[in-house]
Each structure stands twice: as C-alpha cells, then as structure tokens.
Amino acid sequence: MTRSDKSLLFDYFGPLLSDRQRDCYDLYYNDDLSLSEIAELKGISRQGAWDAIRHAESRLVEFEEKTGVVARIKELEAELEKYGV
C-alpha cells in the first residue's frame, strides 16, 4: 500500500479511529514526524506510538475491506479521466 493510499484511507475513515490512533497516524504519515517525536509530543513511549499507528492502519484497511468506498471512488475517478472530466 502506497503512502498516497494510506492518506486516502485516513481521509475517509480517520474519524472512526480512536483519538490516540488518529493523532499518531496523522503525525506520522501526514506531518512526517518520527516515532520519537510523536512519543515525546503525546507523552507516550515510542512503542506506544508505533502500536497506535499499526492498529490504526489495520483498522483503516479493515474499514476499506468491508465497505470498498475508496476503491469505488478510485474507479470513478479513473472513468472520469477517460472523458477528460
């Protein structure tokens, strides 16, 4: 899964994550902070930051597998590109 795909999943399903998962995931992938920086900022261990990110990613993938929302949007965008829209 590309970084772009991860960001897209987060855009659609991020609100369904816990606050800690959402914050750590956002700081790691969108703000490009290191695990150490996230840990210091959030007052948790590096392992705690990594666990939150890993669990968030698993949940995002699970949401997509169950709904297929992002896949359908990508298909629609590809169709629109064919027609120059």
PDB file of N, CA and C in Angstrom:
ATOM      1  N   MET A   1       0.858  -1.177   0.000  1.00  0.00           N
ATOM      2  CA  MET A   1       0.000   0.000   0.000  1.00  0.00           C
ATOM      3  C   MET A   1       0.903   1.238   0.000  1.00  0.00           C
ATOM      4  N   THR A   2       0.630   2.142  -0.905  1.00  0.00           N
ATOM      5  CA  THR A   2       1.441   3.353  -1.018  1.00  0.00           C
ATOM      6  C   THR A   2       1.058   4.370   0.056  1.00  0.00           C
ATOM      7  N   ARG A   3       1.955   5.314   0.240  1.00  0.00           N
ATOM      8  CA  ARG A   3       1.692   6.390   1.209  1.00  0.00           C
ATOM      9  C   ARG A   3       0.431   7.166   0.806  1.00  0.00           C
ATOM     10  N   SER A   4       0.234   7.335  -0.489  1.00  0.00           N
ATOM     11  CA  SER A   4      -0.948   8.021  -1.004  1.00  0.00           C
ATOM     12  C   SER A   4      -2.229   7.252  -0.645  1.00  0.00           C
ATOM     13  N   ASP A   5      -2.176   5.928  -0.783  1.00  0.00           N
ATOM     14  CA  ASP A   5      -3.323   5.094  -0.429  1.00  0.00           C
ATOM     15  C   ASP A   5      -3.635   5.208   1.067  1.00  0.00           C
ATOM     16  N   LYS A   6      -2.578   5.228   1.878  1.00  0.00           N
ATOM     17  CA  LYS A   6      -2.762   5.342   3.321  1.00  0.00           C
ATOM     18  C   LYS A   6      -3.406   6.674   3.685  1.00  0.00           C
ATOM     19  N   SER A   7      -2.971   7.735   3.007  1.00  0.00           N
ATOM     20  CA  SER A   7      -3.555   9.053   3.272  1.00  0.00           C
ATOM     21  C   SER A   7      -5.017   9.091   2.856  1.00  0.00           C
ATOM     22  N   LEU A   8      -5.326   8.459   1.735  1.00  0.00           N
ATOM     23  CA  LEU A   8      -6.703   8.432   1.255  1.00  0.00           C
ATOM     24  C   LEU A   8      -7.610   7.671   2.225  1.00  0.00           C
ATOM     25  N   LEU A   9      -7.140   6.528   2.705  1.00  0.00           N
ATOM     26  CA  LEU A   9      -7.916   5.780   3.695  1.00  0.00           C
ATOM     27  C   LEU A   9      -8.140   6.618   4.951  1.00  0.00           C
ATOM     28  N   PHE A  10      -7.086   7.326   5.364  1.00  0.00           N
ATOM     29  CA  PHE A  10      -7.193   8.162   6.556  1.00  0.00           C
ATOM     30  C   PHE A  10      -8.195   9.295   6.339  1.00  0.00           C
ATOM     31  N   ASP A  11      -8.187   9.881   5.153  1.00  0.00           N
ATOM     32  CA  ASP A  11      -9.124  10.961   4.854  1.00  0.00           C
ATOM     33  C   ASP A  11     -10.574  10.498   5.010  1.00  0.00           C
ATOM     34  N   TYR A  12     -10.859   9.290   4.565  1.00  0.00           N
ATOM     35  CA  TYR A  12     -12.234   8.796   4.601  1.00  0.00           C
ATOM     36  C   TYR A  12     -12.620   8.172   5.939  1.00  0.00           C
ATOM     37  N   PHE A  13     -11.701   7.412   6.522  1.00  0.00           N
ATOM     38  CA  PHE A  13     -12.054   6.637   7.706  1.00  0.00           C
ATOM     39  C   PHE A  13     -11.395   7.119   8.997  1.00  0.00           C
ATOM     40  N   GLY A  14     -10.556   8.127   8.926  1.00  0.00           N
ATOM     41  CA  GLY A  14      -9.863   8.634  10.110  1.00  0.00           C
ATOM     42  C   GLY A  14     -10.782   8.953  11.284  1.00  0.00           C
ATOM     43  N   PRO A  15     -11.938   9.563  11.032  1.00  0.00           N
ATOM     44  CA  PRO A  15     -12.833   9.876  12.157  1.00  0.00           C
ATOM     45  C   PRO A  15     -13.330   8.646  12.924  1.00  0.00           C
ATOM     46  N   LEU A  16     -13.192   7.462  12.350  1.00  0.00           N
ATOM     47  CA  LEU A  16     -13.645   6.246  13.013  1.00  0.00           C
ATOM     48  C   LEU A  16     -12.595   5.659  13.954  1.00  0.00           C
ATOM     49  N   LEU A  17     -11.386   6.216  13.933  1.00  0.00           N
ATOM     50  CA  LEU A  17     -10.309   5.741  14.801  1.00  0.00           C
ATOM     51  C   LEU A  17     -10.421   6.376  16.178  1.00  0.00           C
ATOM     52  N   SER A  18      -9.733   5.784  17.146  1.00  0.00           N
ATOM     53  CA  SER A  18      -9.663   6.407  18.465  1.00  0.00           C
ATOM     54  C   SER A  18      -8.841   7.690  18.346  1.00  0.00           C
ATOM     55  N   ASP A  19      -8.971   8.567  19.315  1.00  0.00           N
ATOM     56  CA  ASP A  19      -8.219   9.825  19.283  1.00  0.00           C
ATOM     57  C   ASP A  19      -6.717   9.573  19.202  1.00  0.00           C
ATOM     58  N   ARG A  20      -6.225   8.651  20.007  1.00  0.00           N
ATOM     59  CA  ARG A  20      -4.788   8.356  20.015  1.00  0.00           C
ATOM     60  C   ARG A  20      -4.330   7.796  18.670  1.00  0.00           C
ATOM     61  N   GLN A  21      -5.087   6.853  18.125  1.00  0.00           N
ATOM     62  CA  GLN A  21      -4.736   6.274  16.824  1.00  0.00           C
ATOM     63  C   GLN A  21      -4.736   7.352  15.742  1.00  0.00           C
ATOM     64  N   ARG A  22      -5.776   8.153  15.732  1.00  0.00           N
ATOM     65  CA  ARG A  22      -5.901   9.200  14.719  1.00  0.00           C
ATOM     66  C   ARG A  22      -4.754  10.200  14.820  1.00  0.00           C
ATOM     67  N   ASP A  23      -4.451  10.648  16.023  1.00  0.00           N
ATOM     68  CA  ASP A  23      -3.384  11.634  16.208  1.00  0.00           C
ATOM     69  C   ASP A  23      -2.019  11.076  15.804  1.00  0.00           C
ATOM     70  N   CYS A  24      -1.695   9.886  16.268  1.00  0.00           N
ATOM     71  CA  CYS A  24      -0.390   9.289  15.960  1.00  0.00           C
ATOM     72  C   CYS A  24      -0.254   9.016  14.472  1.00  0.00           C
ATOM     73  N   TYR A  25      -1.294   8.483  13.858  1.00  0.00           N
ATOM     74  CA  TYR A  25      -1.268   8.185  12.425  1.00  0.00           C
ATOM     75  C   TYR A  25      -1.079   9.460  11.612  1.00  0.00           C
ATOM     76  N   ASP A  26      -1.819  10.487  11.970  1.00  0.00           N
ATOM     77  CA  ASP A  26      -1.742  11.769  11.270  1.00  0.00           C
ATOM     78  C   ASP A  26      -0.346  12.384  11.409  1.00  0.00           C
ATOM     79  N   LEU A  27       0.188  12.363  12.601  1.00  0.00           N
ATOM     80  CA  LEU A  27       1.520  12.934  12.828  1.00  0.00           C
ATOM     81  C   LEU A  27       2.589  12.151  12.068  1.00  0.00           C
ATOM     82  N   TYR A  28       2.444  10.849  11.985  1.00  0.00           N
ATOM     83  CA  TYR A  28       3.444  10.011  11.331  1.00  0.00           C
ATOM     84  C   TYR A  28       3.386  10.132   9.812  1.00  0.00           C
ATOM     85  N   TYR A  29       2.207   9.981   9.234  1.00  0.00           N
ATOM     86  CA  TYR A  29       2.086   9.961   7.778  1.00  0.00           C
ATOM     87  C   TYR A  29       1.879  11.333   7.144  1.00  0.00           C
ATOM     88  N   ASN A  30       1.131  12.194   7.776  1.00  0.00           N
ATOM     89  CA  ASN A  30       0.845  13.490   7.156  1.00  0.00           C
ATOM     90  C   ASN A  30       1.813  14.587   7.569  1.00  0.00           C
ATOM     91  N   ASP A  31       2.289  14.541   8.824  1.00  0.00           N
ATOM     92  CA  ASP A  31       3.230  15.560   9.289  1.00  0.00           C
ATOM     93  C   ASP A  31       4.668  15.061   9.269  1.00  0.00           C
ATOM     94  N   ASP A  32       4.860  13.783   8.940  1.00  0.00           N
ATOM     95  CA  ASP A  32       6.182  13.178   8.771  1.00  0.00           C
ATOM     96  C   ASP A  32       7.045  13.259  10.027  1.00  0.00           C
ATOM     97  N   LEU A  33       6.421  13.113  11.196  1.00  0.00           N
ATOM     98  CA  LEU A  33       7.168  13.089  12.450  1.00  0.00           C
ATOM     99  C   LEU A  33       7.691  11.683  12.705  1.00  0.00           C
ATOM    100  N   SER A  34       8.811  11.587  13.409  1.00  0.00           N
ATOM    101  CA  SER A  34       9.377  10.286  13.771  1.00  0.00           C
ATOM    102  C   SER A  34       8.615   9.725  14.968  1.00  0.00           C
ATOM    103  N   LEU A  35       8.833   8.442  15.229  1.00  0.00           N
ATOM    104  CA  LEU A  35       8.196   7.819  16.389  1.00  0.00           C
ATOM    105  C   LEU A  35       8.632   8.506  17.679  1.00  0.00           C
ATOM    106  N   SER A  36       9.893   8.882  17.754  1.00  0.00           N
ATOM    107  CA  SER A  36      10.408   9.569  18.951  1.00  0.00           C
ATOM    108  C   SER A  36       9.720  10.914  19.135  1.00  0.00           C
ATOM    109  N   GLU A  37       9.550  11.637  18.044  1.00  0.00           N
ATOM    110  CA  GLU A  37       8.898  12.945  18.124  1.00  0.00           C
ATOM    111  C   GLU A  37       7.437  12.801  18.549  1.00  0.00           C
ATOM    112  N   ILE A  38       6.763  11.802  17.993  1.00  0.00           N
ATOM    113  CA  ILE A  38       5.360  11.565  18.351  1.00  0.00           C
ATOM    114  C   ILE A  38       5.258  11.169  19.814  1.00  0.00           C
ATOM    115  N   ALA A  39       6.139  10.274  20.242  1.00  0.00           N
ATOM    116  CA  ALA A  39       6.129   9.813  21.631  1.00  0.00           C
ATOM    117  C   ALA A  39       6.309  10.977  22.593  1.00  0.00           C
ATOM    118  N   GLU A  40       7.260  11.842  22.278  1.00  0.00           N
ATOM    119  CA  GLU A  40       7.508  12.995  23.142  1.00  0.00           C
ATOM    120  C   GLU A  40       6.307  13.940  23.156  1.00  0.00           C
ATOM    121  N   LEU A  41       5.758  14.199  21.986  1.00  0.00           N
ATOM    122  CA  LEU A  41       4.629  15.113  21.861  1.00  0.00           C
ATOM    123  C   LEU A  41       3.386  14.592  22.582  1.00  0.00           C
ATOM    124  N   LYS A  42       3.146  13.286  22.486  1.00  0.00           N
ATOM    125  CA  LYS A  42       1.930  12.697  23.060  1.00  0.00           C
ATOM    126  C   LYS A  42       2.137  12.177  24.482  1.00  0.00           C
ATOM    127  N   GLY A  43       3.378  12.177  24.969  1.00  0.00           N
ATOM    128  CA  GLY A  43       3.642  11.691  26.319  1.00  0.00           C
ATOM    129  C   GLY A  43       3.518  10.182  26.452  1.00  0.00           C
ATOM    130  N   ILE A  44       3.912   9.464  25.397  1.00  0.00           N
ATOM    131  CA  ILE A  44       3.867   8.002  25.398  1.00  0.00           C
ATOM    132  C   ILE A  44       5.232   7.469  24.964  1.00  0.00           C
ATOM    133  N   SER A  45       5.401   6.166  25.018  1.00  0.00           N
ATOM    134  CA  SER A  45       6.659   5.563  24.576  1.00  0.00           C
ATOM    135  C   SER A  45       6.681   5.456  23.046  1.00  0.00           C
ATOM    136  N   ARG A  46       7.881   5.229  22.509  1.00  0.00           N
ATOM    137  CA  ARG A  46       7.992   5.016  21.058  1.00  0.00           C
ATOM    138  C   ARG A  46       7.162   3.796  20.656  1.00  0.00           C
ATOM    139  N   GLN A  47       7.211   2.758  21.498  1.00  0.00           N
ATOM    140  CA  GLN A  47       6.437   1.544  21.222  1.00  0.00           C
ATOM    141  C   GLN A  47       4.942   1.847  21.238  1.00  0.00           C
ATOM    142  N   GLY A  48       4.517   2.685  22.165  1.00  0.00           N
ATOM    143  CA  GLY A  48       3.108   3.080  22.221  1.00  0.00           C
ATOM    144  C   GLY A  48       2.678   3.823  20.977  1.00  0.00           C
ATOM    145  N   ALA A  49       3.558   4.692  20.479  1.00  0.00           N
ATOM    146  CA  ALA A  49       3.261   5.428  19.240  1.00  0.00           C
ATOM    147  C   ALA A  49       3.171   4.461  18.067  1.00  0.00           C
ATOM    148  N   TRP A  50       4.137   3.537  17.985  1.00  0.00           N
ATOM    149  CA  TRP A  50       4.142   2.566  16.882  1.00  0.00           C
ATOM    150  C   TRP A  50       2.901   1.669  16.938  1.00  0.00           C
ATOM    151  N   ASP A  51       2.538   1.217  18.129  1.00  0.00           N
ATOM    152  CA  ASP A  51       1.347   0.372  18.270  1.00  0.00           C
ATOM    153  C   ASP A  51       0.085   1.106  17.818  1.00  0.00           C
ATOM    154  N   ALA A  52      -0.030   2.368  18.185  1.00  0.00           N
ATOM    155  CA  ALA A  52      -1.204   3.161  17.779  1.00  0.00           C
ATOM    156  C   ALA A  52      -1.265   3.293  16.261  1.00  0.00           C
ATOM    157  N   ILE A  53      -0.120   3.539  15.634  1.00  0.00           N
ATOM    158  CA  ILE A  53      -0.063   3.681  14.170  1.00  0.00           C
ATOM    159  C   ILE A  53      -0.408   2.356  13.495  1.00  0.00           C
ATOM    160  N   ARG A  54       0.182   1.272  13.994  1.00  0.00           N
ATOM    161  CA  ARG A  54      -0.055  -0.052  13.409  1.00  0.00           C
ATOM    162  C   ARG A  54      -1.524  -0.456  13.545  1.00  0.00           C
ATOM    163  N   HIS A  55      -2.102  -0.228  14.714  1.00  0.00           N
ATOM    164  CA  HIS A  55      -3.514  -0.568  14.917  1.00  0.00           C
ATOM    165  C   HIS A  55      -4.418   0.318  14.057  1.00  0.00           C
ATOM    166  N   ALA A  56      -4.068   1.581  13.928  1.00  0.00           N
ATOM    167  CA  ALA A  56      -4.858   2.484  13.083  1.00  0.00           C
ATOM    168  C   ALA A  56      -4.843   1.998  11.645  1.00  0.00           C
ATOM    169  N   GLU A  57      -3.660   1.630  11.163  1.00  0.00           N
ATOM    170  CA  GLU A  57      -3.557   1.152   9.786  1.00  0.00           C
ATOM    171  C   GLU A  57      -4.386  -0.117   9.572  1.00  0.00           C
ATOM    172  N   SER A  58      -4.342  -1.018  10.531  1.00  0.00           N
ATOM    173  CA  SER A  58      -5.141  -2.248  10.436  1.00  0.00           C
ATOM    174  C   SER A  58      -6.630  -1.938  10.381  1.00  0.00           C
ATOM    175  N   ARG A  59      -7.050  -1.010  11.201  1.00  0.00           N
ATOM    176  CA  ARG A  59      -8.476  -0.648  11.221  1.00  0.00           C
ATOM    177  C   ARG A  59      -8.890   0.030   9.921  1.00  0.00           C
ATOM    178  N   LEU A  60      -8.031   0.910   9.396  1.00  0.00           N
ATOM    179  CA  LEU A  60      -8.353   1.587   8.135  1.00  0.00           C
ATOM    180  C   LEU A  60      -8.514   0.575   7.007  1.00  0.00           C
ATOM    181  N   VAL A  61      -7.600  -0.389   6.941  1.00  0.00           N
ATOM    182  CA  VAL A  61      -7.685  -1.432   5.915  1.00  0.00           C
ATOM    183  C   VAL A  61      -8.948  -2.259   6.118  1.00  0.00           C
ATOM    184  N   GLU A  62      -9.264  -2.563   7.354  1.00  0.00           N
ATOM    185  CA  GLU A  62     -10.475  -3.333   7.656  1.00  0.00           C
ATOM    186  C   GLU A  62     -11.734  -2.579   7.210  1.00  0.00           C
ATOM    187  N   PHE A  63     -11.786  -1.284   7.495  1.00  0.00           N
ATOM    188  CA  PHE A  63     -12.940  -0.483   7.067  1.00  0.00           C
ATOM    189  C   PHE A  63     -13.081  -0.511   5.547  1.00  0.00           C
ATOM    190  N   GLU A  64     -11.955  -0.385   4.847  1.00  0.00           N
ATOM    191  CA  GLU A  64     -11.999  -0.391   3.387  1.00  0.00           C
ATOM    192  C   GLU A  64     -12.425  -1.758   2.855  1.00  0.00           C
ATOM    193  N   GLU A  65     -11.923  -2.821   3.457  1.00  0.00           N
ATOM    194  CA  GLU A  65     -12.308  -4.164   3.017  1.00  0.00           C
ATOM    195  C   GLU A  65     -13.805  -4.389   3.179  1.00  0.00           C
ATOM    196  N   LYS A  66     -14.367  -3.844   4.231  1.00  0.00           N
ATOM    197  CA  LYS A  66     -15.798  -4.038   4.495  1.00  0.00           C
ATOM    198  C   LYS A  66     -16.687  -3.149   3.638  1.00  0.00           C
ATOM    199  N   THR A  67     -16.210  -1.945   3.312  1.00  0.00           N
ATOM    200  CA  THR A  67     -17.066  -1.005   2.590  1.00  0.00           C
ATOM    201  C   THR A  67     -16.706  -0.839   1.117  1.00  0.00           C
ATOM    202  N   GLY A  68     -15.436  -0.890   0.793  1.00  0.00           N
ATOM    203  CA  GLY A  68     -14.990  -0.694  -0.590  1.00  0.00           C
ATOM    204  C   GLY A  68     -15.153   0.732  -1.086  1.00  0.00           C
ATOM    205  N   VAL A  69     -15.330   1.668  -0.182  1.00  0.00           N
ATOM    206  CA  VAL A  69     -15.589   3.062  -0.548  1.00  0.00           C
ATOM    207  C   VAL A  69     -14.443   3.658  -1.367  1.00  0.00           C
ATOM    208  N   VAL A  70     -13.237   3.521  -0.885  1.00  0.00           N
ATOM    209  CA  VAL A  70     -12.093   4.137  -1.554  1.00  0.00           C
ATOM    210  C   VAL A  70     -11.868   3.496  -2.921  1.00  0.00           C
ATOM    211  N   ALA A  71     -12.031   2.196  -3.016  1.00  0.00           N
ATOM    212  CA  ALA A  71     -11.871   1.509  -4.302  1.00  0.00           C
ATOM    213  C   ALA A  71     -12.889   2.024  -5.317  1.00  0.00           C
ATOM    214  N   ARG A  72     -14.125   2.209  -4.879  1.00  0.00           N
ATOM    215  CA  ARG A  72     -15.155   2.717  -5.793  1.00  0.00           C
ATOM    216  C   ARG A  72     -14.854   4.145  -6.228  1.00  0.00           C
ATOM    217  N   ILE A  73     -14.349   4.955  -5.331  1.00  0.00           N
ATOM    218  CA  ILE A  73     -14.008   6.337  -5.676  1.00  0.00           C
ATOM    219  C   ILE A  73     -12.866   6.361  -6.682  1.00  0.00           C
ATOM    220  N   LYS A  74     -11.868   5.505  -6.481  1.00  0.00           N
ATOM    221  CA  LYS A  74     -10.749   5.440  -7.421  1.00  0.00           C
ATOM    222  C   LYS A  74     -11.227   4.990  -8.806  1.00  0.00           C
ATOM    223  N   GLU A  75     -12.148   4.032  -8.837  1.00  0.00           N
ATOM    224  CA  GLU A  75     -12.718   3.570 -10.108  1.00  0.00           C
ATOM    225  C   GLU A  75     -13.467   4.708 -10.797  1.00  0.00           C
ATOM    226  N   LEU A  76     -14.242   5.452 -10.051  1.00  0.00           N
ATOM    227  CA  LEU A  76     -14.992   6.576 -10.598  1.00  0.00           C
ATOM    228  C   LEU A  76     -14.050   7.644 -11.150  1.00  0.00           C
ATOM    229  N   GLU A  77     -12.988   7.943 -10.412  1.00  0.00           N
ATOM    230  CA  GLU A  77     -12.012   8.930 -10.877  1.00  0.00           C
ATOM    231  C   GLU A  77     -11.346   8.469 -12.170  1.00  0.00           C
ATOM    232  N   ALA A  78     -11.044   7.176 -12.276  1.00  0.00           N
ATOM    233  CA  ALA A  78     -10.440   6.640 -13.497  1.00  0.00           C
ATOM    234  C   ALA A  78     -11.396   6.773 -14.678  1.00  0.00           C
ATOM    235  N   GLU A  79     -12.670   6.504 -14.443  1.00  0.00           N
ATOM    236  CA  GLU A  79     -13.676   6.648 -15.505  1.00  0.00           C
ATOM    237  C   GLU A  79     -13.795   8.108 -15.947  1.00  0.00           C
ATOM    238  N   LEU A  80     -13.791   9.020 -14.998  1.00  0.00           N
ATOM    239  CA  LEU A  80     -13.905  10.439 -15.328  1.00  0.00           C
ATOM    240  C   LEU A  80     -12.697  10.931 -16.131  1.00  0.00           C
ATOM    241  N   GLU A  81     -11.530  10.403 -15.803  1.00  0.00           N
ATOM    242  CA  GLU A  81     -10.321  10.774 -16.542  1.00  0.00           C
ATOM    243  C   GLU A  81     -10.398  10.354 -18.001  1.00  0.00           C
ATOM    244  N   LYS A  82     -11.051   9.229 -18.269  1.00  0.00           N
ATOM    245  CA  LYS A  82     -11.223   8.759 -19.649  1.00  0.00           C
ATOM    246  C   LYS A  82     -11.947   9.809 -20.494  1.00  0.00           C
ATOM    247  N   TYR A  83     -12.868  10.524 -19.867  1.00  0.00           N
ATOM    248  CA  TYR A  83     -13.679  11.511 -20.574  1.00  0.00           C
ATOM    249  C   TYR A  83     -13.177  12.920 -20.382  1.00  0.00           C
ATOM    250  N   GLY A  84     -12.007  13.065 -19.774  1.00  0.00           N
ATOM    251  CA  GLY A  84     -11.408  14.375 -19.600  1.00  0.00           C
ATOM    252  C   GLY A  84     -12.117  15.258 -18.599  1.00  0.00           C
ATOM    253  N   VAL A  85     -12.794  14.654 -17.672  1.00  0.00           N
ATOM    254  CA  VAL A  85     -13.516  15.417 -16.652  1.00  0.00           C
ATOM    255  C   VAL A  85     -12.694  15.535 -15.416  1.00  0.00           C
TER     256      VAL A  85
END
